[in-house]
N, C-alpha and C. Protein backbone atom coordinates (compact mmCIF):
# COMPACT_ATOMS: atom_id res chain seq x y z
N UNK A 1 -5.79 -3.72 106.36
CA UNK A 1 -6.77 -4.01 107.39
C UNK A 1 -7.82 -2.91 107.49
N UNK A 2 -7.52 -1.73 106.97
CA UNK A 2 -8.49 -0.64 107.05
C UNK A 2 -9.76 -0.95 106.26
N UNK A 3 -9.60 -1.51 105.08
CA UNK A 3 -10.78 -1.82 104.26
C UNK A 3 -11.60 -2.93 104.91
N UNK A 4 -10.95 -3.85 105.58
CA UNK A 4 -11.67 -4.91 106.29
C UNK A 4 -12.50 -4.31 107.42
N UNK A 5 -11.94 -3.33 108.11
CA UNK A 5 -12.67 -2.67 109.19
C UNK A 5 -13.89 -1.92 108.65
N UNK A 6 -13.75 -1.28 107.50
CA UNK A 6 -14.89 -0.59 106.89
C UNK A 6 -15.98 -1.59 106.53
N UNK A 7 -15.60 -2.71 105.93
CA UNK A 7 -16.60 -3.73 105.59
C UNK A 7 -17.24 -4.32 106.83
N UNK A 8 -16.48 -4.47 107.90
CA UNK A 8 -17.05 -4.99 109.15
C UNK A 8 -18.06 -4.00 109.74
N UNK A 9 -17.74 -2.73 109.69
CA UNK A 9 -18.68 -1.73 110.21
C UNK A 9 -19.95 -1.68 109.36
N UNK A 10 -19.80 -1.79 108.04
CA UNK A 10 -20.98 -1.85 107.17
C UNK A 10 -21.78 -3.12 107.43
N UNK A 11 -21.09 -4.21 107.68
CA UNK A 11 -21.78 -5.46 107.99
C UNK A 11 -22.51 -5.39 109.32
N UNK A 12 -21.97 -4.61 110.24
CA UNK A 12 -22.62 -4.46 111.54
C UNK A 12 -23.95 -3.71 111.41
N UNK A 13 -24.04 -2.82 110.45
CA UNK A 13 -25.29 -2.08 110.21
C UNK A 13 -26.32 -2.88 109.41
N UNK A 14 -25.89 -3.91 108.74
CA UNK A 14 -26.76 -4.64 107.82
C UNK A 14 -28.00 -5.25 108.47
N UNK A 15 -27.95 -5.82 109.68
CA UNK A 15 -29.20 -6.35 110.25
C UNK A 15 -30.30 -5.29 110.37
N UNK A 16 -29.92 -4.06 110.65
CA UNK A 16 -30.91 -2.99 110.73
C UNK A 16 -31.51 -2.68 109.36
N UNK A 17 -30.69 -2.83 108.31
CA UNK A 17 -31.21 -2.64 106.95
C UNK A 17 -32.18 -3.75 106.59
N UNK A 18 -31.85 -4.97 106.99
CA UNK A 18 -32.78 -6.08 106.74
C UNK A 18 -34.09 -5.87 107.48
N UNK A 19 -34.04 -5.32 108.67
CA UNK A 19 -35.28 -5.03 109.41
C UNK A 19 -36.09 -3.96 108.69
N UNK A 20 -35.41 -2.98 108.11
CA UNK A 20 -36.10 -1.90 107.39
C UNK A 20 -36.85 -2.43 106.17
N UNK A 21 -36.25 -3.39 105.46
CA UNK A 21 -36.90 -3.96 104.28
C UNK A 21 -37.75 -5.18 104.62
N UNK A 22 -37.94 -5.42 105.92
CA UNK A 22 -38.81 -6.46 106.45
C UNK A 22 -38.36 -7.89 106.08
N UNK A 23 -37.07 -8.12 106.16
CA UNK A 23 -36.49 -9.46 105.98
C UNK A 23 -35.93 -9.91 107.33
N UNK A 24 -36.84 -10.34 108.20
CA UNK A 24 -36.46 -10.63 109.57
C UNK A 24 -35.53 -11.84 109.68
N UNK A 25 -35.76 -12.86 108.84
CA UNK A 25 -34.91 -14.04 108.91
C UNK A 25 -33.48 -13.71 108.50
N UNK A 26 -33.32 -12.87 107.48
CA UNK A 26 -31.97 -12.48 107.08
C UNK A 26 -31.30 -11.61 108.14
N UNK A 27 -32.09 -10.82 108.85
CA UNK A 27 -31.53 -10.00 109.94
C UNK A 27 -30.98 -10.89 111.06
N UNK A 28 -31.70 -11.94 111.38
CA UNK A 28 -31.25 -12.86 112.43
C UNK A 28 -29.99 -13.60 111.98
N UNK A 29 -29.99 -14.08 110.73
CA UNK A 29 -28.83 -14.80 110.21
C UNK A 29 -27.60 -13.89 110.19
N UNK A 30 -27.78 -12.65 109.72
CA UNK A 30 -26.65 -11.72 109.68
C UNK A 30 -26.16 -11.38 111.09
N UNK A 31 -27.07 -11.26 112.03
CA UNK A 31 -26.66 -10.97 113.41
C UNK A 31 -25.82 -12.10 113.99
N UNK A 32 -26.21 -13.34 113.70
CA UNK A 32 -25.41 -14.48 114.17
C UNK A 32 -24.05 -14.53 113.48
N UNK A 33 -24.03 -14.20 112.20
CA UNK A 33 -22.76 -14.20 111.47
C UNK A 33 -21.83 -13.10 111.95
N UNK A 34 -22.39 -12.02 112.45
CA UNK A 34 -21.56 -10.92 112.94
C UNK A 34 -20.65 -11.35 114.08
N UNK A 35 -21.16 -12.21 114.93
CA UNK A 35 -20.33 -12.69 116.04
C UNK A 35 -19.09 -13.41 115.49
N UNK A 36 -19.31 -14.30 114.54
CA UNK A 36 -18.19 -15.02 113.93
C UNK A 36 -17.27 -14.10 113.15
N UNK A 37 -17.83 -13.08 112.52
CA UNK A 37 -17.01 -12.15 111.75
C UNK A 37 -16.07 -11.37 112.65
N UNK A 38 -16.59 -10.89 113.78
CA UNK A 38 -15.74 -10.13 114.69
C UNK A 38 -14.71 -11.03 115.37
N UNK A 39 -15.09 -12.26 115.69
CA UNK A 39 -14.12 -13.20 116.27
C UNK A 39 -12.99 -13.46 115.27
N UNK A 40 -13.37 -13.68 114.01
CA UNK A 40 -12.36 -13.90 112.96
C UNK A 40 -11.44 -12.70 112.83
N UNK A 41 -12.02 -11.50 112.84
CA UNK A 41 -11.22 -10.28 112.69
C UNK A 41 -10.22 -10.14 113.83
N UNK A 42 -10.68 -10.29 115.08
CA UNK A 42 -9.77 -10.13 116.21
C UNK A 42 -8.73 -11.24 116.24
N UNK A 43 -9.11 -12.43 115.84
CA UNK A 43 -8.14 -13.52 115.81
C UNK A 43 -7.10 -13.26 114.72
N UNK A 44 -7.53 -12.77 113.56
CA UNK A 44 -6.59 -12.49 112.48
C UNK A 44 -5.72 -11.28 112.79
N UNK A 45 -6.27 -10.31 113.50
CA UNK A 45 -5.51 -9.09 113.79
C UNK A 45 -4.48 -9.28 114.90
N UNK A 46 -4.83 -10.05 115.92
CA UNK A 46 -3.96 -10.14 117.09
C UNK A 46 -3.32 -11.50 117.29
N UNK A 47 -3.63 -12.44 116.44
CA UNK A 47 -3.07 -13.78 116.57
C UNK A 47 -2.84 -14.32 115.16
N UNK A 48 -2.77 -15.62 115.04
CA UNK A 48 -2.61 -16.25 113.74
C UNK A 48 -3.97 -16.32 113.06
N UNK A 49 -4.01 -15.98 111.78
CA UNK A 49 -5.27 -16.02 111.03
C UNK A 49 -5.77 -17.47 110.93
N UNK A 50 -7.08 -17.66 111.04
CA UNK A 50 -7.63 -19.01 110.90
C UNK A 50 -7.34 -19.59 109.50
N UNK A 51 -7.32 -20.88 109.44
CA UNK A 51 -7.01 -21.56 108.18
C UNK A 51 -8.12 -21.31 107.14
N UNK A 52 -7.73 -21.40 105.90
CA UNK A 52 -8.68 -21.26 104.81
C UNK A 52 -9.71 -22.37 104.89
N UNK A 53 -10.96 -22.03 104.64
CA UNK A 53 -12.12 -22.93 104.68
C UNK A 53 -12.39 -23.49 106.08
N UNK A 54 -11.89 -22.82 107.10
CA UNK A 54 -12.27 -23.18 108.46
C UNK A 54 -13.66 -22.58 108.72
N UNK A 55 -14.35 -23.02 109.76
CA UNK A 55 -15.69 -22.46 110.01
C UNK A 55 -15.69 -20.94 110.19
N UNK A 56 -14.71 -20.39 110.88
CA UNK A 56 -14.66 -18.93 111.03
C UNK A 56 -14.42 -18.23 109.70
N UNK A 57 -13.59 -18.79 108.87
CA UNK A 57 -13.31 -18.23 107.55
C UNK A 57 -14.58 -18.21 106.71
N UNK A 58 -15.31 -19.32 106.72
CA UNK A 58 -16.56 -19.41 105.94
C UNK A 58 -17.59 -18.43 106.47
N UNK A 59 -17.72 -18.33 107.79
CA UNK A 59 -18.67 -17.39 108.38
C UNK A 59 -18.30 -15.95 108.02
N UNK A 60 -17.02 -15.63 108.06
CA UNK A 60 -16.58 -14.28 107.75
C UNK A 60 -16.95 -13.88 106.32
N UNK A 61 -16.59 -14.71 105.37
CA UNK A 61 -16.84 -14.35 103.97
C UNK A 61 -18.31 -14.50 103.58
N UNK A 62 -19.01 -15.44 104.18
CA UNK A 62 -20.46 -15.53 103.93
C UNK A 62 -21.17 -14.31 104.51
N UNK A 63 -20.71 -13.85 105.67
CA UNK A 63 -21.28 -12.64 106.26
C UNK A 63 -21.03 -11.41 105.43
N UNK A 64 -19.82 -11.31 104.85
CA UNK A 64 -19.53 -10.19 103.95
C UNK A 64 -20.43 -10.23 102.72
N UNK A 65 -20.62 -11.42 102.18
CA UNK A 65 -21.47 -11.56 100.99
C UNK A 65 -22.92 -11.21 101.33
N UNK A 66 -23.42 -11.71 102.44
CA UNK A 66 -24.78 -11.41 102.85
C UNK A 66 -24.95 -9.92 103.16
N UNK A 67 -23.91 -9.31 103.67
CA UNK A 67 -23.95 -7.88 103.94
C UNK A 67 -24.10 -7.07 102.66
N UNK A 68 -23.37 -7.45 101.64
CA UNK A 68 -23.48 -6.74 100.37
C UNK A 68 -24.86 -6.93 99.75
N UNK A 69 -25.42 -8.12 99.89
CA UNK A 69 -26.78 -8.37 99.41
C UNK A 69 -27.76 -7.48 100.16
N UNK A 70 -27.57 -7.33 101.45
CA UNK A 70 -28.44 -6.47 102.26
C UNK A 70 -28.38 -5.01 101.83
N UNK A 71 -27.17 -4.52 101.56
CA UNK A 71 -27.05 -3.13 101.12
C UNK A 71 -27.70 -2.92 99.77
N UNK A 72 -27.57 -3.88 98.86
CA UNK A 72 -28.22 -3.76 97.55
C UNK A 72 -29.73 -3.78 97.71
N UNK A 73 -30.24 -4.67 98.57
CA UNK A 73 -31.69 -4.70 98.81
C UNK A 73 -32.18 -3.39 99.40
N UNK A 74 -31.40 -2.80 100.29
CA UNK A 74 -31.79 -1.52 100.89
C UNK A 74 -31.79 -0.40 99.86
N UNK A 75 -30.80 -0.38 98.99
CA UNK A 75 -30.74 0.65 97.95
C UNK A 75 -31.94 0.53 97.01
N UNK A 76 -32.28 -0.69 96.63
CA UNK A 76 -33.45 -0.91 95.77
C UNK A 76 -34.72 -0.47 96.49
N UNK A 77 -34.82 -0.77 97.78
CA UNK A 77 -35.98 -0.36 98.58
C UNK A 77 -36.11 1.16 98.64
N UNK A 78 -35.01 1.85 98.87
CA UNK A 78 -35.04 3.31 98.96
C UNK A 78 -35.39 3.93 97.62
N UNK A 79 -34.82 3.42 96.54
CA UNK A 79 -35.10 3.98 95.22
C UNK A 79 -36.55 3.74 94.83
N UNK A 80 -37.07 2.56 95.10
CA UNK A 80 -38.46 2.27 94.72
C UNK A 80 -39.44 3.04 95.59
N UNK A 81 -39.14 3.25 96.86
CA UNK A 81 -40.05 4.01 97.70
C UNK A 81 -39.96 5.51 97.41
N UNK A 82 -38.82 5.97 96.94
CA UNK A 82 -38.66 7.38 96.60
C UNK A 82 -39.56 7.75 95.42
N UNK A 83 -39.72 6.83 94.47
CA UNK A 83 -40.60 7.08 93.33
C UNK A 83 -42.05 7.26 93.76
N UNK A 84 -42.49 6.52 94.76
CA UNK A 84 -43.86 6.66 95.26
C UNK A 84 -44.08 8.04 95.87
N UNK A 85 -43.09 8.53 96.62
CA UNK A 85 -43.22 9.84 97.25
C UNK A 85 -43.22 10.96 96.21
N UNK A 86 -42.45 10.80 95.14
CA UNK A 86 -42.43 11.81 94.10
C UNK A 86 -43.79 11.91 93.42
N UNK A 87 -44.45 10.80 93.18
CA UNK A 87 -45.77 10.80 92.55
C UNK A 87 -46.80 11.48 93.43
N UNK A 88 -46.68 11.32 94.74
CA UNK A 88 -47.61 11.94 95.67
C UNK A 88 -47.49 13.47 95.65
N UNK A 89 -46.30 13.99 95.46
CA UNK A 89 -46.10 15.44 95.51
C UNK A 89 -46.42 16.13 94.19
N UNK A 90 -46.56 15.40 93.12
CA UNK A 90 -46.83 16.03 91.82
C UNK A 90 -48.31 16.16 91.57
């Protein structure tokens, strides 16, 4: 469960990353998915886990996937903007 908590915390930061790279629609979608992700986590941690392919299950894993896409987009944004700053200083 520790790794799930780490992924949930990273997913919680993802809407802010989407805002940084100016993907407002993805930030809104990820924010809505976060509610379902946390509900799924608390239900799985303190009660019976939701069934496979239930709406909460789909929201949880789609949110994790979208979160990873967001982090990759942010890394590409930082790397590409870093090159512009290096050219300015040379």
